[in-house]
Amino acid sequence: AMAYQQDFLESEQRAQEYRKKQALLKKKFALYIDDLNAAISDEEMVSSLEKMTKLVLEQQDMPSGYTKESFMKIVGLKKKAMLGKGLWGTPVDVAYKTLVMKITLVQSPNRMEAVY
């Protein structure tokens, strides 16, 4: 019975660490989204999108609580606003499409190996 209790405690601890890590990742991703929404130049946009891409690849997923669809809605609004100002050039579009592609890859159910 002791061994079982030990296992239980260890798995509880792991679950807690996982939740803590997810909360931090979620916060980080939220900050990147804030940066993206505050961006006033294409360079700033590219920088935010690249940071998000890096996070998604490191974690091999999006932080819990985010879906690709909800994220694309957020970016879609920003894109519309940027286009209205004559911004959102090719580098931004490429950075955005790269991010969406990486999210799709890491979330694909038949994926066996890590995506880089």
PDB file of N, CA and C in Angstrom:
ATOM      1  N   ALA A   1       0.839  -1.210   0.000  1.00  0.00           N
ATOM      2  CA  ALA A   1       0.000   0.000   0.000  1.00  0.00           C
ATOM      3  C   ALA A   1       0.870   1.255   0.000  1.00  0.00           C
ATOM      4  N   MET A   2       2.022   1.164   0.665  1.00  0.00           N
ATOM      5  CA  MET A   2       2.928   2.322   0.703  1.00  0.00           C
ATOM      6  C   MET A   2       3.405   2.695  -0.703  1.00  0.00           C
ATOM      7  N   ALA A   3       3.765   1.675  -1.473  1.00  0.00           N
ATOM      8  CA  ALA A   3       4.269   1.906  -2.832  1.00  0.00           C
ATOM      9  C   ALA A   3       3.204   2.606  -3.671  1.00  0.00           C
ATOM     10  N   TYR A   4       1.969   2.154  -3.505  1.00  0.00           N
ATOM     11  CA  TYR A   4       0.868   2.753  -4.256  1.00  0.00           C
ATOM     12  C   TYR A   4       0.737   4.232  -3.899  1.00  0.00           C
ATOM     13  N   GLN A   5       0.809   4.504  -2.595  1.00  0.00           N
ATOM     14  CA  GLN A   5       0.684   5.879  -2.116  1.00  0.00           C
ATOM     15  C   GLN A   5       1.814   6.746  -2.688  1.00  0.00           C
ATOM     16  N   GLN A   6       3.006   6.177  -2.711  1.00  0.00           N
ATOM     17  CA  GLN A   6       4.168   6.874  -3.251  1.00  0.00           C
ATOM     18  C   GLN A   6       3.946   7.211  -4.729  1.00  0.00           C
ATOM     19  N   ASP A   7       3.464   6.231  -5.478  1.00  0.00           N
ATOM     20  CA  ASP A   7       3.173   6.439  -6.902  1.00  0.00           C
ATOM     21  C   ASP A   7       2.133   7.536  -7.074  1.00  0.00           C
ATOM     22  N   PHE A   8       1.117   7.474  -6.242  1.00  0.00           N
ATOM     23  CA  PHE A   8       0.044   8.458  -6.319  1.00  0.00           C
ATOM     24  C   PHE A   8       0.590   9.859  -6.074  1.00  0.00           C
ATOM     25  N   LEU A   9       1.410   9.987  -5.043  1.00  0.00           N
ATOM     26  CA  LEU A   9       1.992  11.285  -4.712  1.00  0.00           C
ATOM     27  C   LEU A   9       2.878  11.796  -5.841  1.00  0.00           C
ATOM     28  N   GLU A  10       3.657  10.873  -6.424  1.00  0.00           N
ATOM     29  CA  GLU A  10       4.525  11.264  -7.527  1.00  0.00           C
ATOM     30  C   GLU A  10       3.728  11.719  -8.745  1.00  0.00           C
ATOM     31  N   SER A  11       2.660  10.992  -9.046  1.00  0.00           N
ATOM     32  CA  SER A  11       1.872  11.388 -10.207  1.00  0.00           C
ATOM     33  C   SER A  11       1.120  12.694  -9.930  1.00  0.00           C
ATOM     34  N   GLU A  12       0.723  12.894  -8.684  1.00  0.00           N
ATOM     35  CA  GLU A  12       0.088  14.160  -8.301  1.00  0.00           C
ATOM     36  C   GLU A  12       1.065  15.319  -8.472  1.00  0.00           C
ATOM     37  N   GLN A  13       2.304  15.066  -8.054  1.00  0.00           N
ATOM     38  CA  GLN A  13       3.343  16.077  -8.152  1.00  0.00           C
ATOM     39  C   GLN A  13       3.614  16.406  -9.618  1.00  0.00           C
ATOM     40  N   ARG A  14       3.674  15.362 -10.440  1.00  0.00           N
ATOM     41  CA  ARG A  14       3.897  15.555 -11.879  1.00  0.00           C
ATOM     42  C   ARG A  14       2.761  16.365 -12.487  1.00  0.00           C
ATOM     43  N   ALA A  15       1.530  16.015 -12.084  1.00  0.00           N
ATOM     44  CA  ALA A  15       0.359  16.721 -12.604  1.00  0.00           C
ATOM     45  C   ALA A  15       0.403  18.194 -12.207  1.00  0.00           C
ATOM     46  N   GLN A  16       0.824  18.437 -10.975  1.00  0.00           N
ATOM     47  CA  GLN A  16       0.918  19.805 -10.482  1.00  0.00           C
ATOM     48  C   GLN A  16       1.987  20.589 -11.250  1.00  0.00           C
ATOM     49  N   GLU A  17       3.133  19.943 -11.486  1.00  0.00           N
ATOM     50  CA  GLU A  17       4.206  20.575 -12.241  1.00  0.00           C
ATOM     51  C   GLU A  17       3.750  20.876 -13.664  1.00  0.00           C
ATOM     52  N   TYR A  18       3.017  19.938 -14.240  1.00  0.00           N
ATOM     53  CA  TYR A  18       2.490  20.116 -15.591  1.00  0.00           C
ATOM     54  C   TYR A  18       1.546  21.317 -15.643  1.00  0.00           C
ATOM     55  N   ARG A  19       0.650  21.397 -14.656  1.00  0.00           N
ATOM     56  CA  ARG A  19      -0.304  22.516 -14.614  1.00  0.00           C
ATOM     57  C   ARG A  19       0.414  23.840 -14.450  1.00  0.00           C
ATOM     58  N   LYS A  20       1.450  23.845 -13.599  1.00  0.00           N
ATOM     59  CA  LYS A  20       2.229  25.052 -13.364  1.00  0.00           C
ATOM     60  C   LYS A  20       2.918  25.493 -14.657  1.00  0.00           C
ATOM     61  N   LYS A  21       3.497  24.514 -15.336  1.00  0.00           N
ATOM     62  CA  LYS A  21       4.203  24.775 -16.588  1.00  0.00           C
ATOM     63  C   LYS A  21       3.233  25.308 -17.645  1.00  0.00           C
ATOM     64  N   GLN A  22       2.055  24.668 -17.736  1.00  0.00           N
ATOM     65  CA  GLN A  22       1.046  25.111 -18.698  1.00  0.00           C
ATOM     66  C   GLN A  22       0.584  26.543 -18.406  1.00  0.00           C
ATOM     67  N   ALA A  23       0.432  26.861 -17.122  1.00  0.00           N
ATOM     68  CA  ALA A  23       0.004  28.208 -16.736  1.00  0.00           C
ATOM     69  C   ALA A  23       1.044  29.242 -17.170  1.00  0.00           C
ATOM     70  N   LEU A  24       2.319  28.895 -16.990  1.00  0.00           N
ATOM     71  CA  LEU A  24       3.401  29.795 -17.415  1.00  0.00           C
ATOM     72  C   LEU A  24       3.427  29.958 -18.926  1.00  0.00           C
ATOM     73  N   LEU A  25       3.262  28.859 -19.632  1.00  0.00           N
ATOM     74  CA  LEU A  25       3.256  28.902 -21.098  1.00  0.00           C
ATOM     75  C   LEU A  25       2.087  29.725 -21.615  1.00  0.00           C
ATOM     76  N   LYS A  26       0.951  29.556 -20.955  1.00  0.00           N
ATOM     77  CA  LYS A  26      -0.256  30.281 -21.339  1.00  0.00           C
ATOM     78  C   LYS A  26      -0.032  31.784 -21.171  1.00  0.00           C
ATOM     79  N   LYS A  27       0.617  32.138 -20.039  1.00  0.00           N
ATOM     80  CA  LYS A  27       0.920  33.532 -19.741  1.00  0.00           C
ATOM     81  C   LYS A  27       1.875  34.107 -20.799  1.00  0.00           C
ATOM     82  N   LYS A  28       2.891  33.314 -21.122  1.00  0.00           N
ATOM     83  CA  LYS A  28       3.890  33.715 -22.114  1.00  0.00           C
ATOM     84  C   LYS A  28       3.224  33.954 -23.467  1.00  0.00           C
ATOM     85  N   PHE A  29       2.378  33.012 -23.862  1.00  0.00           N
ATOM     86  CA  PHE A  29       1.692  33.105 -25.145  1.00  0.00           C
ATOM     87  C   PHE A  29       0.751  34.306 -25.167  1.00  0.00           C
ATOM     88  N   ALA A  30       0.091  34.543 -24.043  1.00  0.00           N
ATOM     89  CA  ALA A  30      -0.811  35.698 -23.927  1.00  0.00           C
ATOM     90  C   ALA A  30      -0.036  37.000 -24.094  1.00  0.00           C
ATOM     91  N   LEU A  31       1.181  37.044 -23.534  1.00  0.00           N
ATOM     92  CA  LEU A  31       2.030  38.236 -23.685  1.00  0.00           C
ATOM     93  C   LEU A  31       2.429  38.431 -25.146  1.00  0.00           C
ATOM     94  N   TYR A  32       2.729  37.325 -25.825  1.00  0.00           N
ATOM     95  CA  TYR A  32       3.078  37.414 -27.250  1.00  0.00           C
ATOM     96  C   TYR A  32       1.895  37.936 -28.057  1.00  0.00           C
ATOM     97  N   ILE A  33       0.703  37.500 -27.694  1.00  0.00           N
ATOM     98  CA  ILE A  33      -0.501  37.986 -28.376  1.00  0.00           C
ATOM     99  C   ILE A  33      -0.701  39.477 -28.103  1.00  0.00           C
ATOM    100  N   ASP A  34      -0.450  39.883 -26.859  1.00  0.00           N
ATOM    101  CA  ASP A  34      -0.526  41.318 -26.529  1.00  0.00           C
ATOM    102  C   ASP A  34       0.471  42.110 -27.371  1.00  0.00           C
ATOM    103  N   ASP A  35       1.695  41.592 -27.474  1.00  0.00           N
ATOM    104  CA  ASP A  35       2.732  42.238 -28.290  1.00  0.00           C
ATOM    105  C   ASP A  35       2.270  42.363 -29.733  1.00  0.00           C
ATOM    106  N   LEU A  36       1.689  41.293 -30.223  1.00  0.00           N
ATOM    107  CA  LEU A  36       1.199  41.256 -31.596  1.00  0.00           C
ATOM    108  C   LEU A  36       0.132  42.320 -31.802  1.00  0.00           C
ATOM    109  N   ASN A  37      -0.793  42.392 -30.857  1.00  0.00           N
ATOM    110  CA  ASN A  37      -1.875  43.368 -30.968  1.00  0.00           C
ATOM    111  C   ASN A  37      -1.388  44.802 -30.808  1.00  0.00           C
ATOM    112  N   ALA A  38      -0.278  44.979 -30.070  1.00  0.00           N
ATOM    113  CA  ALA A  38       0.271  46.320 -29.850  1.00  0.00           C
ATOM    114  C   ALA A  38       1.236  46.724 -30.968  1.00  0.00           C
ATOM    115  N   ALA A  39       1.621  45.761 -31.795  1.00  0.00           N
ATOM    116  CA  ALA A  39       2.615  46.025 -32.845  1.00  0.00           C
ATOM    117  C   ALA A  39       2.132  47.112 -33.793  1.00  0.00           C
ATOM    118  N   ILE A  40       3.047  48.036 -34.109  1.00  0.00           N
ATOM    119  CA  ILE A  40       2.693  49.102 -35.042  1.00  0.00           C
ATOM    120  C   ILE A  40       3.547  49.049 -36.308  1.00  0.00           C
ATOM    121  N   SER A  41       4.429  48.058 -36.365  1.00  0.00           N
ATOM    122  CA  SER A  41       5.239  47.898 -37.579  1.00  0.00           C
ATOM    123  C   SER A  41       5.287  46.423 -37.968  1.00  0.00           C
ATOM    124  N   ASP A  42       5.626  46.185 -39.213  1.00  0.00           N
ATOM    125  CA  ASP A  42       5.751  44.811 -39.686  1.00  0.00           C
ATOM    126  C   ASP A  42       6.850  44.072 -38.923  1.00  0.00           C
ATOM    127  N   GLU A  43       7.945  44.774 -38.609  1.00  0.00           N
ATOM    128  CA  GLU A  43       9.059  44.157 -37.869  1.00  0.00           C
ATOM    129  C   GLU A  43       8.585  43.621 -36.525  1.00  0.00           C
ATOM    130  N   GLU A  44       7.804  44.421 -35.812  1.00  0.00           N
ATOM    131  CA  GLU A  44       7.278  43.999 -34.508  1.00  0.00           C
ATOM    132  C   GLU A  44       6.348  42.794 -34.655  1.00  0.00           C
ATOM    133  N   MET A  45       5.556  42.821 -35.717  1.00  0.00           N
ATOM    134  CA  MET A  45       4.641  41.706 -35.985  1.00  0.00           C
ATOM    135  C   MET A  45       5.435  40.420 -36.214  1.00  0.00           C
ATOM    136  N   VAL A  46       6.450  40.508 -37.076  1.00  0.00           N
ATOM    137  CA  VAL A  46       7.275  39.337 -37.392  1.00  0.00           C
ATOM    138  C   VAL A  46       7.919  38.797 -36.122  1.00  0.00           C
ATOM    139  N   SER A  47       8.443  39.695 -35.298  1.00  0.00           N
ATOM    140  CA  SER A  47       9.101  39.302 -34.054  1.00  0.00           C
ATOM    141  C   SER A  47       8.146  38.517 -33.147  1.00  0.00           C
ATOM    142  N   SER A  48       6.928  39.019 -32.951  1.00  0.00           N
ATOM    143  CA  SER A  48       5.928  38.335 -32.117  1.00  0.00           C
ATOM    144  C   SER A  48       5.565  36.971 -32.689  1.00  0.00           C
ATOM    145  N   LEU A  49       5.348  36.920 -33.985  1.00  0.00           N
ATOM    146  CA  LEU A  49       4.955  35.663 -34.632  1.00  0.00           C
ATOM    147  C   LEU A  49       6.072  34.631 -34.536  1.00  0.00           C
ATOM    148  N   GLU A  50       7.321  35.088 -34.673  1.00  0.00           N
ATOM    149  CA  GLU A  50       8.448  34.157 -34.581  1.00  0.00           C
ATOM    150  C   GLU A  50       8.621  33.619 -33.157  1.00  0.00           C
ATOM    151  N   LYS A  51       8.369  34.471 -32.159  1.00  0.00           N
ATOM    152  CA  LYS A  51       8.441  34.022 -30.760  1.00  0.00           C
ATOM    153  C   LYS A  51       7.393  32.936 -30.504  1.00  0.00           C
ATOM    154  N   MET A  52       6.193  33.152 -31.049  1.00  0.00           N
ATOM    155  CA  MET A  52       5.120  32.166 -30.885  1.00  0.00           C
ATOM    156  C   MET A  52       5.479  30.859 -31.574  1.00  0.00           C
ATOM    157  N   THR A  53       6.048  30.955 -32.762  1.00  0.00           N
ATOM    158  CA  THR A  53       6.441  29.758 -33.515  1.00  0.00           C
ATOM    159  C   THR A  53       7.450  28.955 -32.713  1.00  0.00           C
ATOM    160  N   LYS A  54       8.418  29.653 -32.125  1.00  0.00           N
ATOM    161  CA  LYS A  54       9.458  29.011 -31.319  1.00  0.00           C
ATOM    162  C   LYS A  54       8.816  28.271 -30.128  1.00  0.00           C
ATOM    163  N   LEU A  55       7.886  28.935 -29.458  1.00  0.00           N
ATOM    164  CA  LEU A  55       7.207  28.343 -28.306  1.00  0.00           C
ATOM    165  C   LEU A  55       6.430  27.082 -28.712  1.00  0.00           C
ATOM    166  N   VAL A  56       5.706  27.175 -29.820  1.00  0.00           N
ATOM    167  CA  VAL A  56       4.916  26.041 -30.313  1.00  0.00           C
ATOM    168  C   VAL A  56       5.831  24.860 -30.651  1.00  0.00           C
ATOM    169  N   LEU A  57       6.977  25.147 -31.262  1.00  0.00           N
ATOM    170  CA  LEU A  57       7.903  24.073 -31.629  1.00  0.00           C
ATOM    171  C   LEU A  57       8.587  23.478 -30.398  1.00  0.00           C
ATOM    172  N   GLU A  58       8.949  24.327 -29.450  1.00  0.00           N
ATOM    173  CA  GLU A  58       9.570  23.830 -28.212  1.00  0.00           C
ATOM    174  C   GLU A  58       8.624  22.907 -27.469  1.00  0.00           C
ATOM    175  N   GLN A  59       7.357  23.301 -27.399  1.00  0.00           N
ATOM    176  CA  GLN A  59       6.366  22.529 -26.642  1.00  0.00           C
ATOM    177  C   GLN A  59       5.704  21.447 -27.481  1.00  0.00           C
ATOM    178  N   GLN A  60       5.904  21.517 -28.785  1.00  0.00           N
ATOM    179  CA  GLN A  60       5.229  20.610 -29.720  1.00  0.00           C
ATOM    180  C   GLN A  60       3.703  20.699 -29.584  1.00  0.00           C
ATOM    181  N   ASP A  61       3.240  21.881 -29.221  1.00  0.00           N
ATOM    182  CA  ASP A  61       1.794  22.126 -29.132  1.00  0.00           C
ATOM    183  C   ASP A  61       1.574  23.599 -28.793  1.00  0.00           C
ATOM    184  N   MET A  62       0.315  24.009 -28.791  1.00  0.00           N
ATOM    185  CA  MET A  62      -0.034  25.335 -28.298  1.00  0.00           C
ATOM    186  C   MET A  62      -0.276  25.197 -26.804  1.00  0.00           C
ATOM    187  N   PRO A  63      -0.114  26.281 -26.040  1.00  0.00           N
ATOM    188  CA  PRO A  63      -0.435  26.200 -24.611  1.00  0.00           C
ATOM    189  C   PRO A  63      -1.899  25.811 -24.431  1.00  0.00           C
ATOM    190  N   SER A  64      -2.193  25.063 -23.358  1.00  0.00           N
ATOM    191  CA  SER A  64      -3.581  24.654 -23.131  1.00  0.00           C
ATOM    192  C   SER A  64      -4.460  25.888 -23.021  1.00  0.00           C
ATOM    193  N   GLY A  65      -5.666  25.774 -23.516  1.00  0.00           N
ATOM    194  CA  GLY A  65      -6.586  26.911 -23.490  1.00  0.00           C
ATOM    195  C   GLY A  65      -6.608  27.666 -24.807  1.00  0.00           C
ATOM    196  N   TYR A  66      -5.630  27.383 -25.668  1.00  0.00           N
ATOM    197  CA  TYR A  66      -5.625  28.022 -26.984  1.00  0.00           C
ATOM    198  C   TYR A  66      -5.916  26.992 -28.063  1.00  0.00           C
ATOM    199  N   THR A  67      -6.729  27.389 -29.030  1.00  0.00           N
ATOM    200  CA  THR A  67      -6.937  26.538 -30.189  1.00  0.00           C
ATOM    201  C   THR A  67      -6.414  27.293 -31.398  1.00  0.00           C
ATOM    202  N   LYS A  68      -6.105  26.557 -32.434  1.00  0.00           N
ATOM    203  CA  LYS A  68      -5.626  27.183 -33.662  1.00  0.00           C
ATOM    204  C   LYS A  68      -6.690  28.154 -34.186  1.00  0.00           C
ATOM    205  N   GLU A  69      -7.946  27.737 -34.107  1.00  0.00           N
ATOM    206  CA  GLU A  69      -9.051  28.555 -34.625  1.00  0.00           C
ATOM    207  C   GLU A  69      -9.193  29.875 -33.869  1.00  0.00           C
ATOM    208  N   SER A  70      -9.156  29.794 -32.518  1.00  0.00           N
ATOM    209  CA  SER A  70      -9.321  31.024 -31.728  1.00  0.00           C
ATOM    210  C   SER A  70      -8.140  31.965 -31.978  1.00  0.00           C
ATOM    211  N   PHE A  71      -6.968  31.367 -32.125  1.00  0.00           N
ATOM    212  CA  PHE A  71      -5.771  32.157 -32.386  1.00  0.00           C
ATOM    213  C   PHE A  71      -5.857  32.834 -33.755  1.00  0.00           C
ATOM    214  N   MET A  72      -6.327  32.102 -34.762  1.00  0.00           N
ATOM    215  CA  MET A  72      -6.439  32.655 -36.106  1.00  0.00           C
ATOM    216  C   MET A  72      -7.454  33.797 -36.169  1.00  0.00           C
ATOM    217  N   LYS A  73      -8.477  33.716 -35.321  1.00  0.00           N
ATOM    218  CA  LYS A  73      -9.467  34.804 -35.256  1.00  0.00           C
ATOM    219  C   LYS A  73      -8.808  36.081 -34.737  1.00  0.00           C
ATOM    220  N   ILE A  74      -8.009  35.928 -33.668  1.00  0.00           N
ATOM    221  CA  ILE A  74      -7.309  37.065 -33.067  1.00  0.00           C
ATOM    222  C   ILE A  74      -6.395  37.716 -34.102  1.00  0.00           C
ATOM    223  N   VAL A  75      -5.604  36.891 -34.776  1.00  0.00           N
ATOM    224  CA  VAL A  75      -4.657  37.418 -35.753  1.00  0.00           C
ATOM    225  C   VAL A  75      -5.381  38.011 -36.957  1.00  0.00           C
ATOM    226  N   GLY A  76      -6.496  37.394 -37.326  1.00  0.00           N
ATOM    227  CA  GLY A  76      -7.286  37.898 -38.452  1.00  0.00           C
ATOM    228  C   GLY A  76      -7.730  39.338 -38.251  1.00  0.00           C
ATOM    229  N   LEU A  77      -8.143  39.653 -37.039  1.00  0.00           N
ATOM    230  CA  LEU A  77      -8.561  41.026 -36.719  1.00  0.00           C
ATOM    231  C   LEU A  77      -7.385  41.988 -36.827  1.00  0.00           C
ATOM    232  N   LYS A  78      -6.236  41.549 -36.321  1.00  0.00           N
ATOM    233  CA  LYS A  78      -5.032  42.378 -36.369  1.00  0.00           C
ATOM    234  C   LYS A  78      -4.602  42.583 -37.817  1.00  0.00           C
ATOM    235  N   LYS A  79      -4.669  41.525 -38.590  1.00  0.00           N
ATOM    236  CA  LYS A  79      -4.277  41.599 -40.004  1.00  0.00           C
ATOM    237  C   LYS A  79      -5.124  42.636 -40.739  1.00  0.00           C
ATOM    238  N   LYS A  80      -6.428  42.602 -40.478  1.00  0.00           N
ATOM    239  CA  LYS A  80      -7.358  43.538 -41.108  1.00  0.00           C
ATOM    240  C   LYS A  80      -6.973  44.984 -40.774  1.00  0.00           C
ATOM    241  N   ALA A  81      -6.685  45.211 -39.488  1.00  0.00           N
ATOM    242  CA  ALA A  81      -6.292  46.548 -39.035  1.00  0.00           C
ATOM    243  C   ALA A  81      -4.976  46.986 -39.677  1.00  0.00           C
ATOM    244  N   MET A  82      -4.006  46.061 -39.750  1.00  0.00           N
ATOM    245  CA  MET A  82      -2.700  46.377 -40.330  1.00  0.00           C
ATOM    246  C   MET A  82      -2.827  46.660 -41.829  1.00  0.00           C
ATOM    247  N   LEU A  83      -3.604  45.832 -42.530  1.00  0.00           N
ATOM    248  CA  LEU A  83      -3.800  46.037 -43.968  1.00  0.00           C
ATOM    249  C   LEU A  83      -4.427  47.399 -44.246  1.00  0.00           C
ATOM    250  N   GLY A  84      -5.325  47.816 -43.340  1.00  0.00           N
ATOM    251  CA  GLY A  84      -5.966  49.121 -43.469  1.00  0.00           C
ATOM    252  C   GLY A  84      -4.971  50.270 -43.385  1.00  0.00           C
ATOM    253  N   LYS A  85      -3.824  50.007 -42.752  1.00  0.00           N
ATOM    254  CA  LYS A  85      -2.784  51.028 -42.624  1.00  0.00           C
ATOM    255  C   LYS A  85      -1.674  50.819 -43.651  1.00  0.00           C
ATOM    256  N   GLY A  86      -1.912  49.911 -44.589  1.00  0.00           N
ATOM    257  CA  GLY A  86      -0.902  49.630 -45.602  1.00  0.00           C
ATOM    258  C   GLY A  86       0.256  48.802 -45.072  1.00  0.00           C
ATOM    259  N   LEU A  87       0.006  48.128 -43.953  1.00  0.00           N
ATOM    260  CA  LEU A  87       1.035  47.265 -43.381  1.00  0.00           C
ATOM    261  C   LEU A  87       0.692  45.794 -43.642  1.00  0.00           C
ATOM    262  N   TRP A  88       1.333  44.893 -42.896  1.00  0.00           N
ATOM    263  CA  TRP A  88       1.202  43.446 -43.091  1.00  0.00           C
ATOM    264  C   TRP A  88       1.779  43.077 -44.459  1.00  0.00           C
ATOM    265  N   GLY A  89       3.064  43.305 -44.603  1.00  0.00           N
ATOM    266  CA  GLY A  89       3.763  42.953 -45.834  1.00  0.00           C
ATOM    267  C   GLY A  89       4.051  41.467 -45.914  1.00  0.00           C
ATOM    268  N   THR A  90       4.740  41.086 -46.982  1.00  0.00           N
ATOM    269  CA  THR A  90       5.075  39.680 -47.229  1.00  0.00           C
ATOM    270  C   THR A  90       5.777  39.004 -46.042  1.00  0.00           C
ATOM    271  N   PRO A  91       6.801  39.646 -45.418  1.00  0.00           N
ATOM    272  CA  PRO A  91       7.472  38.967 -44.287  1.00  0.00           C
ATOM    273  C   PRO A  91       6.504  38.606 -43.148  1.00  0.00           C
ATOM    274  N   VAL A  92       5.548  39.463 -42.882  1.00  0.00           N
ATOM    275  CA  VAL A  92       4.555  39.188 -41.828  1.00  0.00           C
ATOM    276  C   VAL A  92       3.683  38.013 -42.245  1.00  0.00           C
ATOM    277  N   ASP A  93       3.237  38.062 -43.485  1.00  0.00           N
ATOM    278  CA  ASP A  93       2.379  36.997 -43.989  1.00  0.00           C
ATOM    279  C   ASP A  93       3.087  35.649 -43.946  1.00  0.00           C
ATOM    280  N   VAL A  94       4.365  35.655 -44.333  1.00  0.00           N
ATOM    281  CA  VAL A  94       5.163  34.422 -44.310  1.00  0.00           C
ATOM    282  C   VAL A  94       5.322  33.924 -42.872  1.00  0.00           C
ATOM    283  N   ALA A  95       5.629  34.829 -41.938  1.00  0.00           N
ATOM    284  CA  ALA A  95       5.802  34.454 -40.527  1.00  0.00           C
ATOM    285  C   ALA A  95       4.499  33.881 -39.971  1.00  0.00           C
ATOM    286  N   TYR A  96       3.379  34.496 -40.345  1.00  0.00           N
ATOM    287  CA  TYR A  96       2.072  34.033 -39.866  1.00  0.00           C
ATOM    288  C   TYR A  96       1.735  32.659 -40.445  1.00  0.00           C
ATOM    289  N   LYS A  97       1.925  32.510 -41.755  1.00  0.00           N
ATOM    290  CA  LYS A  97       1.608  31.226 -42.396  1.00  0.00           C
ATOM    291  C   LYS A  97       2.507  30.109 -41.875  1.00  0.00           C
ATOM    292  N   THR A  98       3.765  30.438 -41.585  1.00  0.00           N
ATOM    293  CA  THR A  98       4.697  29.471 -41.016  1.00  0.00           C
ATOM    294  C   THR A  98       4.191  29.000 -39.662  1.00  0.00           C
ATOM    295  N   LEU A  99       3.771  29.954 -38.835  1.00  0.00           N
ATOM    296  CA  LEU A  99       3.256  29.618 -37.500  1.00  0.00           C
ATOM    297  C   LEU A  99       2.035  28.705 -37.601  1.00  0.00           C
ATOM    298  N   VAL A 100       1.085  29.069 -38.450  1.00  0.00           N
ATOM    299  CA  VAL A 100      -0.133  28.261 -38.605  1.00  0.00           C
ATOM    300  C   VAL A 100       0.215  26.855 -39.093  1.00  0.00           C
ATOM    301  N   MET A 101       1.182  26.784 -40.018  1.00  0.00           N
ATOM    302  CA  MET A 101       1.605  25.491 -40.541  1.00  0.00           C
ATOM    303  C   MET A 101       2.239  24.631 -39.443  1.00  0.00           C
ATOM    304  N   LYS A 102       3.071  25.250 -38.603  1.00  0.00           N
ATOM    305  CA  LYS A 102       3.720  24.512 -37.510  1.00  0.00           C
ATOM    306  C   LYS A 102       2.692  24.044 -36.488  1.00  0.00           C
ATOM    307  N   ILE A 103       1.708  24.890 -36.189  1.00  0.00           N
ATOM    308  CA  ILE A 103       0.644  24.498 -35.250  1.00  0.00           C
ATOM    309  C   ILE A 103      -0.095  23.279 -35.817  1.00  0.00           C
ATOM    310  N   THR A 104      -0.432  23.345 -37.106  1.00  0.00           N
ATOM    311  CA  THR A 104      -1.130  22.246 -37.768  1.00  0.00           C
ATOM    312  C   THR A 104      -0.300  20.971 -37.682  1.00  0.00           C
ATOM    313  N   LEU A 105       0.998  21.086 -37.945  1.00  0.00           N
ATOM    314  CA  LEU A 105       1.892  19.930 -37.901  1.00  0.00           C
ATOM    315  C   LEU A 105       1.978  19.318 -36.510  1.00  0.00           C
ATOM    316  N   VAL A 106       2.227  20.155 -35.504  1.00  0.00           N
ATOM    317  CA  VAL A 106       2.396  19.592 -34.155  1.00  0.00           C
ATOM    318  C   VAL A 106       1.092  19.020 -33.613  1.00  0.00           C
ATOM    319  N   GLN A 107      -0.024  19.493 -34.143  1.00  0.00           N
ATOM    320  CA  GLN A 107      -1.308  18.995 -33.644  1.00  0.00           C
ATOM    321  C   GLN A 107      -1.883  17.864 -34.491  1.00  0.00           C
ATOM    322  N   SER A 108      -1.195  17.497 -35.576  1.00  0.00           N
ATOM    323  CA  SER A 108      -1.773  16.461 -36.429  1.00  0.00           C
ATOM    324  C   SER A 108      -1.717  15.111 -35.712  1.00  0.00           C
ATOM    325  N   PRO A 109      -2.836  14.372 -35.725  1.00  0.00           N
ATOM    326  CA  PRO A 109      -2.953  13.154 -34.928  1.00  0.00           C
ATOM    327  C   PRO A 109      -2.025  12.023 -35.378  1.00  0.00           C
ATOM    328  N   ASN A 110      -1.640  12.004 -36.657  1.00  0.00           N
ATOM    329  CA  ASN A 110      -0.827  10.874 -37.130  1.00  0.00           C
ATOM    330  C   ASN A 110       0.675  11.191 -37.099  1.00  0.00           C
ATOM    331  N   ARG A 111       1.030  12.258 -36.408  1.00  0.00           N
ATOM    332  CA  ARG A 111       2.424  12.672 -36.354  1.00  0.00           C
ATOM    333  C   ARG A 111       3.181  11.781 -35.373  1.00  0.00           C
ATOM    334  N   MET A 112       4.272  11.211 -35.823  1.00  0.00           N
ATOM    335  CA  MET A 112       5.035  10.320 -34.959  1.00  0.00           C
ATOM    336  C   MET A 112       6.281  10.990 -34.399  1.00  0.00           C
ATOM    337  N   GLU A 113       6.975  11.717 -35.242  1.00  0.00           N
ATOM    338  CA  GLU A 113       8.256  12.287 -34.774  1.00  0.00           C
ATOM    339  C   GLU A 113       8.107  13.781 -34.495  1.00  0.00           C
ATOM    340  N   ALA A 114       9.079  14.310 -33.784  1.00  0.00           N
ATOM    341  CA  ALA A 114       9.057  15.734 -33.445  1.00  0.00           C
ATOM    342  C   ALA A 114       9.200  16.567 -34.717  1.00  0.00           C
ATOM    343  N   VAL A 115       8.558  17.720 -34.717  1.00  0.00           N
ATOM    344  CA  VAL A 115       8.603  18.634 -35.868  1.00  0.00           C
ATOM    345  C   VAL A 115       9.554  19.775 -35.545  1.00  0.00           C
ATOM    346  N   TYR A 116      10.437  20.091 -36.451  1.00  0.00           N
ATOM    347  CA  TYR A 116      11.358  21.210 -36.243  1.00  0.00           C
ATOM    348  C   TYR A 116      11.203  22.274 -37.299  1.00  0.00           C
TER     349      TYR A 116
END
